[in-house]
Amino acid sequence: MNQQIRKTPETTQAMRAWPEPDRVFDLRYAAFLETVSHLRARLHRYCARMTGSALDGEDIMQEALFEA
């Protein structure tokens, strides 16, 4: 069951084509931050309206973003 991939020029080239896991995480994190930056003010206003307090709204917003 624990098979090893034989290193051939084709498999080596294919392995190089895949991005490193850390790089994939960085790209996903950057995309998340870009999306959130556009929505942050609206989300904060919404949370502040729902809680009746700007400070509580900020806390709720941060918790929601942390869970995302």
Protein backbone atom coordinates (compact mmCIF):
# COMPACT_ATOMS: atom_id res chain seq x y z
CA MET A 1 0.00 0.00 0.00
CA ASN A 2 2.80 2.43 0.75
CA GLN A 3 4.04 2.84 -2.79
CA GLN A 4 6.78 5.23 -3.69
CA ILE A 5 6.69 7.31 -6.84
CA ARG A 6 9.49 6.39 -9.18
CA LYS A 7 11.49 9.42 -10.12
CA THR A 8 11.47 9.86 -13.84
CA PRO A 9 11.83 13.08 -15.80
CA GLU A 10 8.05 13.14 -16.25
CA THR A 11 7.18 12.66 -12.58
CA THR A 12 9.85 15.10 -11.46
CA GLN A 13 8.49 17.74 -13.83
CA ALA A 14 4.91 17.06 -12.69
CA MET A 15 5.92 17.36 -9.04
CA ARG A 16 7.54 20.72 -9.74
CA ALA A 17 4.34 21.95 -11.39
CA TRP A 18 2.38 21.59 -8.14
CA PRO A 19 2.73 24.57 -5.81
CA GLU A 20 4.17 24.06 -2.37
CA PRO A 21 1.54 23.68 0.39
CA ASP A 22 2.75 26.85 2.13
CA ARG A 23 2.42 28.76 -1.13
CA VAL A 24 -1.15 27.50 -1.60
CA PHE A 25 -2.00 28.63 1.95
CA ASP A 26 -0.46 32.05 1.30
CA LEU A 27 -2.48 32.47 -1.89
CA ARG A 28 -5.73 31.45 -0.19
CA TYR A 29 -5.03 33.73 2.76
CA ALA A 30 -4.29 36.65 0.44
CA ALA A 31 -7.54 36.03 -1.45
CA PHE A 32 -9.45 35.88 1.83
CA LEU A 33 -7.93 39.16 3.03
CA GLU A 34 -8.72 40.86 -0.27
CA THR A 35 -12.35 39.74 -0.09
CA VAL A 36 -12.72 40.69 3.57
CA SER A 37 -11.16 44.12 3.05
CA HIS A 38 -14.03 45.01 0.70
CA LEU A 39 -16.69 43.77 3.12
CA ARG A 40 -15.23 44.74 6.49
CA ALA A 41 -16.89 48.15 6.83
CA ARG A 42 -20.31 46.81 5.81
CA LEU A 43 -19.98 43.85 8.15
CA HIS A 44 -18.98 46.12 11.02
CA ARG A 45 -21.97 48.42 10.43
CA TYR A 46 -24.28 45.43 10.31
CA CYS A 47 -22.88 43.93 13.52
CA ALA A 48 -23.00 47.31 15.27
CA ARG A 49 -26.67 47.74 14.30
CA MET A 50 -27.52 44.24 15.50
CA THR A 51 -25.80 44.69 18.87
CA GLY A 52 -26.57 48.38 19.37
CA SER A 53 -22.91 49.12 20.08
CA ALA A 54 -19.92 49.84 17.85
CA LEU A 55 -17.58 48.07 20.27
CA ASP A 56 -19.75 44.97 20.56
CA GLY A 57 -20.20 45.03 16.79
CA GLU A 58 -16.41 45.03 16.37
CA ASP A 59 -16.10 42.04 18.70
CA ILE A 60 -18.82 40.09 16.89
CA MET A 61 -17.28 40.93 13.51
CA GLN A 62 -13.85 39.74 14.63
CA GLU A 63 -15.31 36.50 15.97
CA ALA A 64 -17.14 35.91 12.69
CA LEU A 65 -13.99 36.54 10.65
CA PHE A 66 -11.96 34.31 12.95
CA GLU A 67 -14.44 31.47 12.40
CA ALA A 68 -14.31 31.99 8.63
